[in-house]
Amino acid sequence: MSGKLPQRQSSSHSGLIFAHFFFVDIVGLSDPTMSTKTQIKKIEVLNRCIFESEVYRSTPKESILTLN
């Protein structure tokens, strides 16, 4: 290993993908004092906020990757 950093490519040719992401930590939403129905409602509200956002609605659907 030479210890040198690779040269930085120009941003227009870097191959990087610009992405927004939301991560729902289901374990973090688990609260033993909260009913399962309430936890589900919280997830549904978060999903609705994401799906109704301008960024999500304006993104071409073929560019969206959703993991369930």
Foldseek 3Di string as FASTA:
>chain_A
DPPDDDDDDPPVPRPDDDDDDDDDDLVVLDDPVDDPVVSVVVVVVVVVCVCPDPVNVPDPPVPDDDDD
